[in-house]
Amino acid sequence: MNMHIKNNITETATNLWNFVNDFEVGNLADAELDMPECNAIHDIIKACESIIETKLDLYKLLNNTLE
């Protein structure tokens, strides 16, 4: 695996959870989003949908790593 990608897995998870938490607690409710931020949120949604669709394969990857 490319080390650059591997080193960013934890950072990516942290950033995603921070975004979800900010949304859930209302930190984004009054935000005035610009177009790049709107596009980023759309990309987050699409990525989450893809993760759900490939969840079983991701668990297989995780299980193979742990064996």
Protein backbone atom coordinates (compact mmCIF):
# COMPACT_ATOMS: atom_id res chain seq x y z
CA MET A 1 0.00 0.00 0.00
CA ASN A 2 1.20 3.48 -0.78
CA MET A 3 2.56 4.89 2.50
CA HIS A 4 1.12 8.34 1.77
CA ILE A 5 -2.39 6.86 1.59
CA LYS A 6 -1.82 4.54 4.55
CA ASN A 7 -0.58 7.38 6.74
CA ASN A 8 -3.70 9.41 6.00
CA ILE A 9 -6.26 6.74 6.98
CA THR A 10 -6.34 7.85 10.61
CA GLU A 11 -6.41 11.53 9.70
CA THR A 12 -9.22 10.92 7.22
CA ALA A 13 -11.30 9.09 9.81
CA THR A 14 -10.71 11.84 12.38
CA ASN A 15 -11.67 14.59 9.94
CA LEU A 16 -14.80 12.75 8.86
CA TRP A 17 -15.94 12.15 12.43
CA ASN A 18 -15.24 15.81 13.28
CA PHE A 19 -17.42 16.88 10.35
CA VAL A 20 -20.23 14.51 11.39
CA ASN A 21 -20.02 15.73 14.98
CA ASP A 22 -20.09 19.38 13.91
CA PHE A 23 -23.18 18.67 11.81
CA GLU A 24 -24.95 16.70 14.55
CA VAL A 25 -24.42 19.29 17.28
CA GLY A 26 -25.53 22.12 15.02
CA ASN A 27 -22.19 23.83 14.44
CA LEU A 28 -22.95 23.97 10.72
CA ALA A 29 -26.60 25.04 11.04
CA ASP A 30 -25.91 28.75 10.61
CA ALA A 31 -22.81 28.39 8.45
CA GLU A 32 -22.73 30.34 5.23
CA LEU A 33 -21.20 27.76 2.92
CA ASP A 34 -19.43 28.74 -0.26
CA MET A 35 -19.57 26.63 -3.42
CA PRO A 36 -16.34 24.69 -2.72
CA GLU A 37 -17.67 23.77 0.73
CA CYS A 38 -21.02 22.70 -0.75
CA ASN A 39 -19.16 20.56 -3.28
CA ALA A 40 -17.06 19.07 -0.48
CA ILE A 41 -20.18 18.10 1.48
CA HIS A 42 -21.62 16.53 -1.67
CA ASP A 43 -18.37 14.57 -2.09
CA ILE A 44 -18.55 13.42 1.54
CA ILE A 45 -22.09 12.14 0.95
CA LYS A 46 -21.05 10.30 -2.22
CA ALA A 47 -18.03 8.78 -0.46
CA CYS A 48 -20.23 7.61 2.42
CA GLU A 49 -22.64 6.00 -0.03
CA SER A 50 -19.73 4.21 -1.68
CA ILE A 51 -18.44 3.03 1.69
CA ILE A 52 -21.84 1.55 2.50
CA GLU A 53 -21.92 -0.21 -0.89
CA THR A 54 -18.44 -1.69 -0.36
CA LYS A 55 -18.71 -2.24 3.39
CA LEU A 56 -18.34 -6.02 3.17
CA ASP A 57 -15.15 -5.69 1.11
CA LEU A 58 -13.79 -3.16 3.59
CA TYR A 59 -14.46 -5.57 6.45
CA LYS A 60 -12.69 -8.31 4.48
CA LEU A 61 -9.68 -6.00 4.10
CA LEU A 62 -9.78 -5.29 7.82
CA ASN A 63 -10.10 -8.96 8.73
CA ASN A 64 -7.23 -9.95 6.42
CA THR A 65 -5.06 -7.32 8.09
CA LEU A 66 -5.89 -8.58 11.56
CA GLU A 67 -5.23 -12.27 10.79
